Amino acid sequence: MALSGIKKDLLKIWQRVTRCHGVALFVHYSGLRDEVAIKNCPEWACVNVNGRRDNKIVSFFKPYVDKLLILQLKEIIDLYDVEGAWIDGDCWAAKLDWSEEAKEEFKEVTGIEYVPRKPGDDH
């Protein structure tokens, strides 16, 4: 999907310049805040305590990493021969998640059947 206003392949330009100067090419990837992924796959969204899907933040417990993030990183590596990536967002963009997958993981890991819903709840 082309973004409005972008006329050239900016990563190709960065690749050419970094190769010319003998420096490594690294990319930035915002790992949890992905509005486009949620627009295309709303079931990947984080779910708040009231059951409402977030429109910006992806759940840790959904297939986002395997079905999109890794595939996109592989594509970037193949097309631009990048040396590394900074995956950002895994701390500042993380949210509490009450998706069914998150609740099941909580129960499995803790052995606790009741999933707390608010501060002051047990566990």
PDB file of N, CA and C in Angstrom:
ATOM      1  N   MET A   1       0.851  -1.179   0.000  1.00  0.00           N
ATOM      2  CA  MET A   1       0.000   0.000   0.000  1.00  0.00           C
ATOM      3  C   MET A   1       0.895   1.241   0.000  1.00  0.00           C
ATOM      4  N   ALA A   2       0.784   2.076  -0.997  1.00  0.00           N
ATOM      5  CA  ALA A   2       1.576   3.301  -1.073  1.00  0.00           C
ATOM      6  C   ALA A   2       0.977   4.363  -0.156  1.00  0.00           C
ATOM      7  N   LEU A   3       1.860   5.055   0.534  1.00  0.00           N
ATOM      8  CA  LEU A   3       1.409   6.139   1.392  1.00  0.00           C
ATOM      9  C   LEU A   3       1.355   7.427   0.598  1.00  0.00           C
ATOM     10  N   SER A   4       0.382   8.233   0.874  1.00  0.00           N
ATOM     11  CA  SER A   4       0.215   9.495   0.173  1.00  0.00           C
ATOM     12  C   SER A   4       1.448  10.371   0.337  1.00  0.00           C
ATOM     13  N   GLY A   5       1.953  10.888  -0.745  1.00  0.00           N
ATOM     14  CA  GLY A   5       3.077  11.814  -0.700  1.00  0.00           C
ATOM     15  C   GLY A   5       4.433  11.158  -0.877  1.00  0.00           C
ATOM     16  N   ILE A   6       4.535   9.844  -0.691  1.00  0.00           N
ATOM     17  CA  ILE A   6       5.821   9.167  -0.855  1.00  0.00           C
ATOM     18  C   ILE A   6       6.002   8.839  -2.330  1.00  0.00           C
ATOM     19  N   LYS A   7       7.089   9.360  -2.895  1.00  0.00           N
ATOM     20  CA  LYS A   7       7.313   9.211  -4.338  1.00  0.00           C
ATOM     21  C   LYS A   7       8.447   8.247  -4.662  1.00  0.00           C
ATOM     22  N   LYS A   8       9.340   7.978  -3.686  1.00  0.00           N
ATOM     23  CA  LYS A   8      10.499   7.132  -3.957  1.00  0.00           C
ATOM     24  C   LYS A   8      10.630   6.070  -2.883  1.00  0.00           C
ATOM     25  N   ASP A   9      11.404   5.058  -3.178  1.00  0.00           N
ATOM     26  CA  ASP A   9      11.692   3.981  -2.242  1.00  0.00           C
ATOM     27  C   ASP A   9      12.791   4.474  -1.292  1.00  0.00           C
ATOM     28  N   LEU A  10      12.370   4.981  -0.133  1.00  0.00           N
ATOM     29  CA  LEU A  10      13.313   5.600   0.800  1.00  0.00           C
ATOM     30  C   LEU A  10      14.313   4.598   1.370  1.00  0.00           C
ATOM     31  N   LEU A  11      13.883   3.371   1.629  1.00  0.00           N
ATOM     32  CA  LEU A  11      14.839   2.388   2.131  1.00  0.00           C
ATOM     33  C   LEU A  11      15.910   2.062   1.096  1.00  0.00           C
ATOM     34  N   LYS A  12      15.540   2.047  -0.166  1.00  0.00           N
ATOM     35  CA  LYS A  12      16.527   1.812  -1.230  1.00  0.00           C
ATOM     36  C   LYS A  12      17.549   2.943  -1.256  1.00  0.00           C
ATOM     37  N   ILE A  13      17.098   4.172  -1.049  1.00  0.00           N
ATOM     38  CA  ILE A  13      18.019   5.317  -0.989  1.00  0.00           C
ATOM     39  C   ILE A  13      18.948   5.180   0.211  1.00  0.00           C
ATOM     40  N   TRP A  14      18.380   4.859   1.391  1.00  0.00           N
ATOM     41  CA  TRP A  14      19.208   4.675   2.592  1.00  0.00           C
ATOM     42  C   TRP A  14      20.206   3.533   2.383  1.00  0.00           C
ATOM     43  N   GLN A  15      19.774   2.464   1.745  1.00  0.00           N
ATOM     44  CA  GLN A  15      20.670   1.338   1.485  1.00  0.00           C
ATOM     45  C   GLN A  15      21.847   1.772   0.618  1.00  0.00           C
ATOM     46  N   ARG A  16      21.574   2.509  -0.418  1.00  0.00           N
ATOM     47  CA  ARG A  16      22.624   2.973  -1.335  1.00  0.00           C
ATOM     48  C   ARG A  16      23.618   3.878  -0.610  1.00  0.00           C
ATOM     49  N   VAL A  17      23.111   4.797   0.203  1.00  0.00           N
ATOM     50  CA  VAL A  17      23.970   5.745   0.921  1.00  0.00           C
ATOM     51  C   VAL A  17      24.815   5.026   1.974  1.00  0.00           C
ATOM     52  N   THR A  18      24.204   4.115   2.745  1.00  0.00           N
ATOM     53  CA  THR A  18      24.972   3.408   3.774  1.00  0.00           C
ATOM     54  C   THR A  18      26.046   2.529   3.139  1.00  0.00           C
ATOM     55  N   ARG A  19      25.739   1.881   2.013  1.00  0.00           N
ATOM     56  CA  ARG A  19      26.738   1.052   1.326  1.00  0.00           C
ATOM     57  C   ARG A  19      27.888   1.918   0.814  1.00  0.00           C
ATOM     58  N   CYS A  20      27.555   3.064   0.284  1.00  0.00           N
ATOM     59  CA  CYS A  20      28.555   3.983  -0.242  1.00  0.00           C
ATOM     60  C   CYS A  20      29.545   4.422   0.846  1.00  0.00           C
ATOM     61  N   HIS A  21      29.034   4.581   2.067  1.00  0.00           N
ATOM     62  CA  HIS A  21      29.860   5.067   3.168  1.00  0.00           C
ATOM     63  C   HIS A  21      30.336   3.959   4.101  1.00  0.00           C
ATOM     64  N   GLY A  22      30.017   2.714   3.785  1.00  0.00           N
ATOM     65  CA  GLY A  22      30.512   1.588   4.547  1.00  0.00           C
ATOM     66  C   GLY A  22      29.944   1.473   5.957  1.00  0.00           C
ATOM     67  N   VAL A  23      28.704   1.901   6.136  1.00  0.00           N
ATOM     68  CA  VAL A  23      28.070   1.768   7.451  1.00  0.00           C
ATOM     69  C   VAL A  23      26.875   0.822   7.349  1.00  0.00           C
ATOM     70  N   ALA A  24      26.522   0.257   8.485  1.00  0.00           N
ATOM     71  CA  ALA A  24      25.422  -0.698   8.534  1.00  0.00           C
ATOM     72  C   ALA A  24      24.070   0.012   8.378  1.00  0.00           C
ATOM     73  N   LEU A  25      23.117  -0.706   7.802  1.00  0.00           N
ATOM     74  CA  LEU A  25      21.759  -0.200   7.661  1.00  0.00           C
ATOM     75  C   LEU A  25      20.868  -0.919   8.668  1.00  0.00           C
ATOM     76  N   PHE A  26      20.295  -0.165   9.579  1.00  0.00           N
ATOM     77  CA  PHE A  26      19.349  -0.681  10.560  1.00  0.00           C
ATOM     78  C   PHE A  26      17.992  -0.031  10.306  1.00  0.00           C
ATOM     79  N   VAL A  27      16.931  -0.732  10.652  1.00  0.00           N
ATOM     80  CA  VAL A  27      15.580  -0.199  10.497  1.00  0.00           C
ATOM     81  C   VAL A  27      14.886  -0.161  11.854  1.00  0.00           C
ATOM     82  N   HIS A  28      13.863   0.651  11.931  1.00  0.00           N
ATOM     83  CA  HIS A  28      13.026   0.747  13.130  1.00  0.00           C
ATOM     84  C   HIS A  28      11.688   0.108  12.813  1.00  0.00           C
ATOM     85  N   TYR A  29      11.167  -0.670  13.764  1.00  0.00           N
ATOM     86  CA  TYR A  29       9.869  -1.310  13.591  1.00  0.00           C
ATOM     87  C   TYR A  29       9.103  -1.138  14.885  1.00  0.00           C
ATOM     88  N   SER A  30       7.952  -0.524  14.812  1.00  0.00           N
ATOM     89  CA  SER A  30       7.124  -0.355  16.000  1.00  0.00           C
ATOM     90  C   SER A  30       6.322  -1.637  16.188  1.00  0.00           C
ATOM     91  N   GLY A  31       6.720  -2.417  17.182  1.00  0.00           N
ATOM     92  CA  GLY A  31       6.240  -3.780  17.307  1.00  0.00           C
ATOM     93  C   GLY A  31       4.844  -4.002  17.850  1.00  0.00           C
ATOM     94  N   LEU A  32       4.299  -3.128  18.636  1.00  0.00           N
ATOM     95  CA  LEU A  32       2.955  -3.367  19.171  1.00  0.00           C
ATOM     96  C   LEU A  32       1.934  -2.341  18.705  1.00  0.00           C
ATOM     97  N   ARG A  33       2.370  -1.160  18.408  1.00  0.00           N
ATOM     98  CA  ARG A  33       1.439  -0.156  17.904  1.00  0.00           C
ATOM     99  C   ARG A  33       1.387  -0.291  16.387  1.00  0.00           C
ATOM    100  N   ASP A  34       0.315  -0.858  15.906  1.00  0.00           N
ATOM    101  CA  ASP A  34       0.180  -1.123  14.472  1.00  0.00           C
ATOM    102  C   ASP A  34      -1.282  -0.991  14.075  1.00  0.00           C
ATOM    103  N   GLU A  35      -1.667   0.252  13.800  1.00  0.00           N
ATOM    104  CA  GLU A  35      -3.058   0.558  13.461  1.00  0.00           C
ATOM    105  C   GLU A  35      -3.495  -0.110  12.163  1.00  0.00           C
ATOM    106  N   VAL A  36      -2.586  -0.231  11.208  1.00  0.00           N
ATOM    107  CA  VAL A  36      -2.934  -0.850   9.933  1.00  0.00           C
ATOM    108  C   VAL A  36      -3.211  -2.338  10.131  1.00  0.00           C
ATOM    109  N   ALA A  37      -2.376  -3.006  10.930  1.00  0.00           N
ATOM    110  CA  ALA A  37      -2.602  -4.433  11.188  1.00  0.00           C
ATOM    111  C   ALA A  37      -3.959  -4.653  11.845  1.00  0.00           C
ATOM    112  N   ILE A  38      -4.305  -3.794  12.804  1.00  0.00           N
ATOM    113  CA  ILE A  38      -5.591  -3.942  13.492  1.00  0.00           C
ATOM    114  C   ILE A  38      -6.759  -3.619  12.561  1.00  0.00           C
ATOM    115  N   LYS A  39      -6.559  -2.664  11.686  1.00  0.00           N
ATOM    116  CA  LYS A  39      -7.614  -2.357  10.713  1.00  0.00           C
ATOM    117  C   LYS A  39      -7.867  -3.568   9.813  1.00  0.00           C
ATOM    118  N   ASN A  40      -6.783  -4.244   9.418  1.00  0.00           N
ATOM    119  CA  ASN A  40      -6.907  -5.410   8.543  1.00  0.00           C
ATOM    120  C   ASN A  40      -7.284  -6.685   9.295  1.00  0.00           C
ATOM    121  N   CYS A  41      -6.874  -6.782  10.554  1.00  0.00           N
ATOM    122  CA  CYS A  41      -7.144  -7.974  11.374  1.00  0.00           C
ATOM    123  C   CYS A  41      -7.589  -7.512  12.763  1.00  0.00           C
ATOM    124  N   PRO A  42      -8.809  -7.021  12.899  1.00  0.00           N
ATOM    125  CA  PRO A  42      -9.260  -6.474  14.179  1.00  0.00           C
ATOM    126  C   PRO A  42      -9.185  -7.473  15.329  1.00  0.00           C
ATOM    127  N   GLU A  43      -9.213  -8.752  15.027  1.00  0.00           N
ATOM    128  CA  GLU A  43      -9.132  -9.768  16.075  1.00  0.00           C
ATOM    129  C   GLU A  43      -7.751  -9.818  16.739  1.00  0.00           C
ATOM    130  N   TRP A  44      -6.754  -9.137  16.181  1.00  0.00           N
ATOM    131  CA  TRP A  44      -5.410  -9.087  16.776  1.00  0.00           C
ATOM    132  C   TRP A  44      -5.290  -8.004  17.844  1.00  0.00           C
ATOM    133  N   ALA A  45      -6.290  -7.198  18.006  1.00  0.00           N
ATOM    134  CA  ALA A  45      -6.209  -6.055  18.926  1.00  0.00           C
ATOM    135  C   ALA A  45      -6.218  -6.485  20.387  1.00  0.00           C
ATOM    136  N   CYS A  46      -5.565  -5.665  21.208  1.00  0.00           N
ATOM    137  CA  CYS A  46      -5.673  -5.785  22.661  1.00  0.00           C
ATOM    138  C   CYS A  46      -7.135  -5.535  23.032  1.00  0.00           C
ATOM    139  N   VAL A  47      -7.599  -6.156  24.089  1.00  0.00           N
ATOM    140  CA  VAL A  47      -8.984  -6.004  24.532  1.00  0.00           C
ATOM    141  C   VAL A  47      -8.979  -5.411  25.933  1.00  0.00           C
ATOM    142  N   ASN A  48      -9.775  -4.361  26.148  1.00  0.00           N
ATOM    143  CA  ASN A  48      -9.803  -3.761  27.486  1.00  0.00           C
ATOM    144  C   ASN A  48     -10.705  -4.561  28.415  1.00  0.00           C
ATOM    145  N   VAL A  49     -10.737  -4.171  29.675  1.00  0.00           N
ATOM    146  CA  VAL A  49     -11.476  -4.913  30.706  1.00  0.00           C
ATOM    147  C   VAL A  49     -12.968  -5.018  30.394  1.00  0.00           C
ATOM    148  N   ASN A  50     -13.484  -4.079  29.607  1.00  0.00           N
ATOM    149  CA  ASN A  50     -14.907  -4.095  29.235  1.00  0.00           C
ATOM    150  C   ASN A  50     -15.176  -4.858  27.937  1.00  0.00           C
ATOM    151  N   GLY A  51     -14.137  -5.470  27.376  1.00  0.00           N
ATOM    152  CA  GLY A  51     -14.319  -6.265  26.166  1.00  0.00           C
ATOM    153  C   GLY A  51     -14.183  -5.492  24.870  1.00  0.00           C
ATOM    154  N   ARG A  52     -13.763  -4.225  24.946  1.00  0.00           N
ATOM    155  CA  ARG A  52     -13.629  -3.407  23.726  1.00  0.00           C
ATOM    156  C   ARG A  52     -12.219  -3.530  23.155  1.00  0.00           C
ATOM    157  N   ARG A  53     -12.166  -3.730  21.848  1.00  0.00           N
ATOM    158  CA  ARG A  53     -10.881  -3.836  21.161  1.00  0.00           C
ATOM    159  C   ARG A  53     -10.215  -2.474  21.045  1.00  0.00           C
ATOM    160  N   ASP A  54      -8.904  -2.464  21.242  1.00  0.00           N
ATOM    161  CA  ASP A  54      -8.105  -1.251  21.050  1.00  0.00           C
ATOM    162  C   ASP A  54      -7.948  -1.022  19.548  1.00  0.00           C
ATOM    163  N   ASN A  55      -7.888   0.215  19.109  1.00  0.00           N
ATOM    164  CA  ASN A  55      -7.741   0.461  17.668  1.00  0.00           C
ATOM    165  C   ASN A  55      -6.300   0.755  17.252  1.00  0.00           C
ATOM    166  N   LYS A  56      -5.355   0.661  18.210  1.00  0.00           N
ATOM    167  CA  LYS A  56      -3.958   0.949  17.887  1.00  0.00           C
ATOM    168  C   LYS A  56      -2.978  -0.129  18.343  1.00  0.00           C
ATOM    169  N   ILE A  57      -3.283  -0.820  19.441  1.00  0.00           N
ATOM    170  CA  ILE A  57      -2.310  -1.696  20.073  1.00  0.00           C
ATOM    171  C   ILE A  57      -2.655  -3.171  19.851  1.00  0.00           C
ATOM    172  N   VAL A  58      -1.661  -3.921  19.392  1.00  0.00           N
ATOM    173  CA  VAL A  58      -1.806  -5.340  19.125  1.00  0.00           C
ATOM    174  C   VAL A  58      -1.588  -6.131  20.419  1.00  0.00           C
ATOM    175  N   SER A  59      -2.298  -7.222  20.564  1.00  0.00           N
ATOM    176  CA  SER A  59      -2.156  -8.114  21.715  1.00  0.00           C
ATOM    177  C   SER A  59      -0.916  -8.986  21.574  1.00  0.00           C
ATOM    178  N   PHE A  60      -0.210  -9.203  22.696  1.00  0.00           N
ATOM    179  CA  PHE A  60       0.904 -10.154  22.728  1.00  0.00           C
ATOM    180  C   PHE A  60       0.435 -11.568  22.421  1.00  0.00           C
ATOM    181  N   PHE A  61      -0.817 -11.832  22.649  1.00  0.00           N
ATOM    182  CA  PHE A  61      -1.341 -13.194  22.633  1.00  0.00           C
ATOM    183  C   PHE A  61      -2.005 -13.571  21.313  1.00  0.00           C
ATOM    184  N   LYS A  62      -1.873 -12.735  20.312  1.00  0.00           N
ATOM    185  CA  LYS A  62      -2.455 -12.996  18.993  1.00  0.00           C
ATOM    186  C   LYS A  62      -1.333 -13.365  18.018  1.00  0.00           C
ATOM    187  N   PRO A  63      -1.650 -13.835  16.815  1.00  0.00           N
ATOM    188  CA  PRO A  63      -0.623 -14.303  15.883  1.00  0.00           C
ATOM    189  C   PRO A  63       0.096 -13.195  15.106  1.00  0.00           C
ATOM    190  N   TYR A  64       0.008 -11.958  15.565  1.00  0.00           N
ATOM    191  CA  TYR A  64       0.613 -10.811  14.880  1.00  0.00           C
ATOM    192  C   TYR A  64       2.090 -11.039  14.561  1.00  0.00           C
ATOM    193  N   VAL A  65       2.860 -11.504  15.536  1.00  0.00           N
ATOM    194  CA  VAL A  65       4.301 -11.678  15.336  1.00  0.00           C
ATOM    195  C   VAL A  65       4.573 -12.683  14.225  1.00  0.00           C
ATOM    196  N   ASP A  66       3.933 -13.848  14.292  1.00  0.00           N
ATOM    197  CA  ASP A  66       4.187 -14.900  13.309  1.00  0.00           C
ATOM    198  C   ASP A  66       3.575 -14.613  11.942  1.00  0.00           C
ATOM    199  N   LYS A  67       2.437 -13.944  11.926  1.00  0.00           N
ATOM    200  CA  LYS A  67       1.715 -13.745  10.663  1.00  0.00           C
ATOM    201  C   LYS A  67       2.053 -12.440   9.948  1.00  0.00           C
ATOM    202  N   LEU A  68       2.690 -11.475  10.666  1.00  0.00           N
ATOM    203  CA  LEU A  68       2.976 -10.197  10.013  1.00  0.00           C
ATOM    204  C   LEU A  68       4.379  -9.671  10.330  1.00  0.00           C
ATOM    205  N   LEU A  69       4.684  -9.451  11.593  1.00  0.00           N
ATOM    206  CA  LEU A  69       5.946  -8.802  11.959  1.00  0.00           C
ATOM    207  C   LEU A  69       7.154  -9.546  11.398  1.00  0.00           C
ATOM    208  N   ILE A  70       7.259 -10.842  11.650  1.00  0.00           N
ATOM    209  CA  ILE A  70       8.414 -11.606  11.163  1.00  0.00           C
ATOM    210  C   ILE A  70       8.453 -11.615   9.639  1.00  0.00           C
ATOM    211  N   LEU A  71       7.305 -11.773   8.999  1.00  0.00           N
ATOM    212  CA  LEU A  71       7.261 -11.779   7.530  1.00  0.00           C
ATOM    213  C   LEU A  71       7.720 -10.443   6.950  1.00  0.00           C
ATOM    214  N   GLN A  72       7.288  -9.343   7.576  1.00  0.00           N
ATOM    215  CA  GLN A  72       7.707  -8.027   7.085  1.00  0.00           C
ATOM    216  C   GLN A  72       9.203  -7.806   7.310  1.00  0.00           C
ATOM    217  N   LEU A  73       9.716  -8.243   8.454  1.00  0.00           N
ATOM    218  CA  LEU A  73      11.155  -8.110   8.692  1.00  0.00           C
ATOM    219  C   LEU A  73      11.966  -8.934   7.693  1.00  0.00           C
ATOM    220  N   LYS A  74      11.505 -10.145   7.398  1.00  0.00           N
ATOM    221  CA  LYS A  74      12.188 -10.965   6.394  1.00  0.00           C
ATOM    222  C   LYS A  74      12.174 -10.286   5.026  1.00  0.00           C
ATOM    223  N   GLU A  75      11.049  -9.682   4.683  1.00  0.00           N
ATOM    224  CA  GLU A  75      10.948  -8.972   3.402  1.00  0.00           C
ATOM    225  C   GLU A  75      11.935  -7.808   3.351  1.00  0.00           C
ATOM    226  N   ILE A  76      12.021  -7.061   4.434  1.00  0.00           N
ATOM    227  CA  ILE A  76      12.956  -5.929   4.491  1.00  0.00           C
ATOM    228  C   ILE A  76      14.396  -6.427   4.362  1.00  0.00           C
ATOM    229  N   ILE A  77      14.711  -7.527   5.038  1.00  0.00           N
ATOM    230  CA  ILE A  77      16.059  -8.106   4.947  1.00  0.00           C
ATOM    231  C   ILE A  77      16.347  -8.528   3.511  1.00  0.00           C
ATOM    232  N   ASP A  78      15.406  -9.214   2.883  1.00  0.00           N
ATOM    233  CA  ASP A  78      15.606  -9.698   1.514  1.00  0.00           C
ATOM    234  C   ASP A  78      15.739  -8.549   0.515  1.00  0.00           C
ATOM    235  N   LEU A  79      14.903  -7.529   0.644  1.00  0.00           N
ATOM    236  CA  LEU A  79      14.904  -6.434  -0.330  1.00  0.00           C
ATOM    237  C   LEU A  79      16.026  -5.424  -0.112  1.00  0.00           C
ATOM    238  N   TYR A  80      16.412  -5.198   1.135  1.00  0.00           N
ATOM    239  CA  TYR A  80      17.334  -4.101   1.437  1.00  0.00           C
ATOM    240  C   TYR A  80      18.606  -4.538   2.152  1.00  0.00           C
ATOM    241  N   ASP A  81      18.744  -5.828   2.418  1.00  0.00           N
ATOM    242  CA  ASP A  81      19.944  -6.368   3.042  1.00  0.00           C
ATOM    243  C   ASP A  81      20.320  -5.597   4.311  1.00  0.00           C
ATOM    244  N   VAL A  82      19.331  -5.358   5.165  1.00  0.00           N
ATOM    245  CA  VAL A  82      19.597  -4.620   6.405  1.00  0.00           C
ATOM    246  C   VAL A  82      20.400  -5.488   7.364  1.00  0.00           C
ATOM    247  N   GLU A  83      21.199  -4.822   8.210  1.00  0.00           N
ATOM    248  CA  GLU A  83      22.033  -5.544   9.171  1.00  0.00           C
ATOM    249  C   GLU A  83      21.333  -5.753  10.514  1.00  0.00           C
ATOM    250  N   GLY A  84      20.282  -4.992  10.771  1.00  0.00           N
ATOM    251  CA  GLY A  84      19.604  -5.155  12.049  1.00  0.00           C
ATOM    252  C   GLY A  84      18.335  -4.330  12.105  1.00  0.00           C
ATOM    253  N   ALA A  85      17.572  -4.574  13.185  1.00  0.00           N
ATOM    254  CA  ALA A  85      16.313  -3.852  13.369  1.00  0.00           C
ATOM    255  C   ALA A  85      16.134  -3.532  14.841  1.00  0.00           C
ATOM    256  N   TRP A  86      15.622  -2.359  15.104  1.00  0.00           N
ATOM    257  CA  TRP A  86      15.240  -1.966  16.452  1.00  0.00           C
ATOM    258  C   TRP A  86      13.729  -2.152  16.536  1.00  0.00           C
ATOM    259  N   ILE A  87      13.305  -3.143  17.311  1.00  0.00           N
ATOM    260  CA  ILE A  87      11.884  -3.401  17.486  1.00  0.00           C
ATOM    261  C   ILE A  87      11.444  -2.590  18.695  1.00  0.00           C
ATOM    262  N   ASP A  88      10.647  -1.588  18.447  1.00  0.00           N
ATOM    263  CA  ASP A  88      10.234  -0.632  19.475  1.00  0.00           C
ATOM    264  C   ASP A  88       8.758  -0.824  19.777  1.00  0.00           C
ATOM    265  N   GLY A  89       8.350  -0.409  20.941  1.00  0.00           N
ATOM    266  CA  GLY A  89       6.940  -0.439  21.284  1.00  0.00           C
ATOM    267  C   GLY A  89       6.585  -1.535  22.260  1.00  0.00           C
ATOM    268  N   ASP A  90       7.494  -2.464  22.488  1.00  0.00           N
ATOM    269  CA  ASP A  90       7.160  -3.580  23.366  1.00  0.00           C
ATOM    270  C   ASP A  90       7.091  -3.180  24.830  1.00  0.00           C
ATOM    271  N   CYS A  91       7.529  -1.967  25.160  1.00  0.00           N
ATOM    272  CA  CYS A  91       7.397  -1.519  26.554  1.00  0.00           C
ATOM    273  C   CYS A  91       6.428  -0.343  26.648  1.00  0.00           C
ATOM    274  N   TRP A  92       6.615   0.687  25.868  1.00  0.00           N
ATOM    275  CA  TRP A  92       5.773   1.883  26.002  1.00  0.00           C
ATOM    276  C   TRP A  92       4.381   1.700  25.402  1.00  0.00           C
ATOM    277  N   ALA A  93       4.224   0.781  24.462  1.00  0.00           N
ATOM    278  CA  ALA A  93       2.918   0.608  23.832  1.00  0.00           C
ATOM    279  C   ALA A  93       2.117  -0.545  24.445  1.00  0.00           C
ATOM    280  N   ALA A  94       2.728  -1.331  25.318  1.00  0.00           N
ATOM    281  CA  ALA A  94       2.028  -2.474  25.902  1.00  0.00           C
ATOM    282  C   ALA A  94       0.861  -2.010  26.771  1.00  0.00           C
ATOM    283  N   LYS A  95      -0.213  -2.749  26.712  1.00  0.00           N
ATOM    284  CA  LYS A  95      -1.402  -2.460  27.522  1.00  0.00           C
ATOM    285  C   LYS A  95      -1.871  -3.742  28.199  1.00  0.00           C
ATOM    286  N   LEU A  96      -2.620  -3.574  29.277  1.00  0.00           N
ATOM    287  CA  LEU A  96      -3.274  -4.725  29.876  1.00  0.00           C
ATOM    288  C   LEU A  96      -4.246  -5.297  28.859  1.00  0.00           C
ATOM    289  N   ASP A  97      -4.369  -6.605  28.847  1.00  0.00           N
ATOM    290  CA  ASP A  97      -5.142  -7.267  27.799  1.00  0.00           C
ATOM    291  C   ASP A  97      -6.058  -8.309  28.416  1.00  0.00           C
ATOM    292  N   TRP A  98      -7.345  -8.179  28.160  1.00  0.00           N
ATOM    293  CA  TRP A  98      -8.328  -9.133  28.640  1.00  0.00           C
ATOM    294  C   TRP A  98      -8.907  -9.964  27.491  1.00  0.00           C
ATOM    295  N   SER A  99      -8.125 -10.124  26.429  1.00  0.00           N
ATOM    296  CA  SER A  99      -8.585 -11.008  25.350  1.00  0.00           C
ATOM    297  C   SER A  99      -8.697 -12.424  25.905  1.00  0.00           C
ATOM    298  N   GLU A 100      -9.460 -13.247  25.239  1.00  0.00           N
ATOM    299  CA  GLU A 100      -9.629 -14.627  25.702  1.00  0.00           C
ATOM    300  C   GLU A 100      -8.277 -15.341  25.779  1.00  0.00           C
ATOM    301  N   GLU A 101      -7.412 -15.084  24.803  1.00  0.00           N
ATOM    302  CA  GLU A 101      -6.100 -15.724  24.788  1.00  0.00           C
ATOM    303  C   GLU A 101      -5.260 -15.279  25.986  1.00  0.00           C
ATOM    304  N   ALA A 102      -5.322 -13.995  26.321  1.00  0.00           N
ATOM    305  CA  ALA A 102      -4.570 -13.474  27.470  1.00  0.00           C
ATOM    306  C   ALA A 102      -5.098 -14.072  28.773  1.00  0.00           C
ATOM    307  N   LYS A 103      -6.408 -14.150  28.899  1.00  0.00           N
ATOM    308  CA  LYS A 103      -6.998 -14.712  30.114  1.00  0.00           C
ATOM    309  C   LYS A 103      -6.641 -16.196  30.262  1.00  0.00           C
ATOM    310  N   GLU A 104      -6.649 -16.924  29.165  1.00  0.00           N
ATOM    311  CA  GLU A 104      -6.288 -18.340  29.225  1.00  0.00           C
ATOM    312  C   GLU A 104      -4.819 -18.514  29.603  1.00  0.00           C
ATOM    313  N   GLU A 105      -3.967 -17.675  29.064  1.00  0.00           N
ATOM    314  CA  GLU A 105      -2.538 -17.728  29.425  1.00  0.00           C
ATOM    315  C   GLU A 105      -2.347 -17.436  30.908  1.00  0.00           C
ATOM    316  N   PHE A 106      -3.045 -16.430  31.423  1.00  0.00           N
ATOM    317  CA  PHE A 106      -2.983 -16.098  32.855  1.00  0.00           C
ATOM    318  C   PHE A 106      -3.366 -17.304  33.699  1.00  0.00           C
ATOM    319  N   LYS A 107      -4.469 -17.937  33.345  1.00  0.00           N
ATOM    320  CA  LYS A 107      -4.945 -19.098  34.105  1.00  0.00           C
ATOM    321  C   LYS A 107      -3.945 -20.252  34.047  1.00  0.00           C
ATOM    322  N   GLU A 108      -3.403 -20.500  32.860  1.00  0.00           N
ATOM    323  CA  GLU A 108      -2.460 -21.602  32.690  1.00  0.00           C
ATOM    324  C   GLU A 108      -1.168 -21.362  33.470  1.00  0.00           C
ATOM    325  N   VAL A 109      -0.641 -20.161  33.397  1.00  0.00           N
ATOM    326  CA  VAL A 109       0.633 -19.850  34.051  1.00  0.00           C
ATOM    327  C   VAL A 109       0.487 -19.773  35.574  1.00  0.00           C
ATOM    328  N   THR A 110      -0.606 -19.189  36.037  1.00  0.00           N
ATOM    329  CA  THR A 110      -0.756 -18.968  37.481  1.00  0.00           C
ATOM    330  C   THR A 110      -1.522 -20.075  38.184  1.00  0.00           C
ATOM    331  N   GLY A 111      -2.346 -20.806  37.459  1.00  0.00           N
ATOM    332  CA  GLY A 111      -3.216 -21.791  38.087  1.00  0.00           C
ATOM    333  C   GLY A 111      -4.434 -21.159  38.750  1.00  0.00           C
ATOM    334  N   ILE A 112      -4.610 -19.864  38.571  1.00  0.00           N
ATOM    335  CA  ILE A 112      -5.722 -19.122  39.167  1.00  0.00           C
ATOM    336  C   ILE A 112      -6.851 -19.052  38.142  1.00  0.00           C
ATOM    337  N   GLU A 113      -8.043 -19.427  38.523  1.00  0.00           N
ATOM    338  CA  GLU A 113      -9.174 -19.435  37.592  1.00  0.00           C
ATOM    339  C   GLU A 113      -9.833 -18.064  37.434  1.00  0.00           C
ATOM    340  N   TYR A 114      -9.797 -17.246  38.503  1.00  0.00           N
ATOM    341  CA  TYR A 114     -10.425 -15.918  38.441  1.00  0.00           C
ATOM    342  C   TYR A 114      -9.403 -14.906  37.942  1.00  0.00           C
ATOM    343  N   VAL A 115      -9.698 -14.249  36.832  1.00  0.00           N
ATOM    344  CA  VAL A 115      -8.800 -13.242  36.265  1.00  0.00           C
ATOM    345  C   VAL A 115      -9.169 -11.891  36.859  1.00  0.00           C
ATOM    346  N   PRO A 116      -8.233 -11.229  37.565  1.00  0.00           N
ATOM    347  CA  PRO A 116      -8.554  -9.924  38.161  1.00  0.00           C
ATOM    348  C   PRO A 116      -8.961  -8.922  37.083  1.00  0.00           C
ATOM    349  N   ARG A 117      -9.881  -8.050  37.445  1.00  0.00           N
ATOM    350  CA  ARG A 117     -10.383  -7.052  36.492  1.00  0.00           C
ATOM    351  C   ARG A 117     -10.009  -5.628  36.883  1.00  0.00           C
ATOM    352  N   LYS A 118      -9.666  -5.403  38.153  1.00  0.00           N
ATOM    353  CA  LYS A 118      -9.350  -4.017  38.581  1.00  0.00           C
ATOM    354  C   LYS A 118      -8.391  -4.064  39.763  1.00  0.00           C
ATOM    355  N   PRO A 119      -7.682  -2.972  39.998  1.00  0.00           N
ATOM    356  CA  PRO A 119      -6.823  -2.915  41.187  1.00  0.00           C
ATOM    357  C   PRO A 119      -7.644  -3.212  42.446  1.00  0.00           C
ATOM    358  N   GLY A 120      -7.067  -3.987  43.327  1.00  0.00           N
ATOM    359  CA  GLY A 120      -7.771  -4.373  44.541  1.00  0.00           C
ATOM    360  C   GLY A 120      -8.380  -5.758  44.454  1.00  0.00           C
ATOM    361  N   ASP A 121      -8.606  -6.268  43.230  1.00  0.00           N
ATOM    362  CA  ASP A 121      -9.060  -7.649  43.072  1.00  0.00           C
ATOM    363  C   ASP A 121      -7.942  -8.589  43.516  1.00  0.00           C
ATOM    364  N   ASP A 122      -8.309  -9.764  44.017  1.00  0.00           N
ATOM    365  CA  ASP A 122      -7.299 -10.755  44.375  1.00  0.00           C
ATOM    366  C   ASP A 122      -6.438 -11.076  43.166  1.00  0.00           C
ATOM    367  N   HIS A 123      -5.175 -11.321  43.397  1.00  0.00           N
ATOM    368  CA  HIS A 123      -4.185 -11.747  42.408  1.00  0.00           C
ATOM    369  C   HIS A 123      -3.866 -10.662  41.421  1.00  0.00           C
TER     370      HIS A 123
END
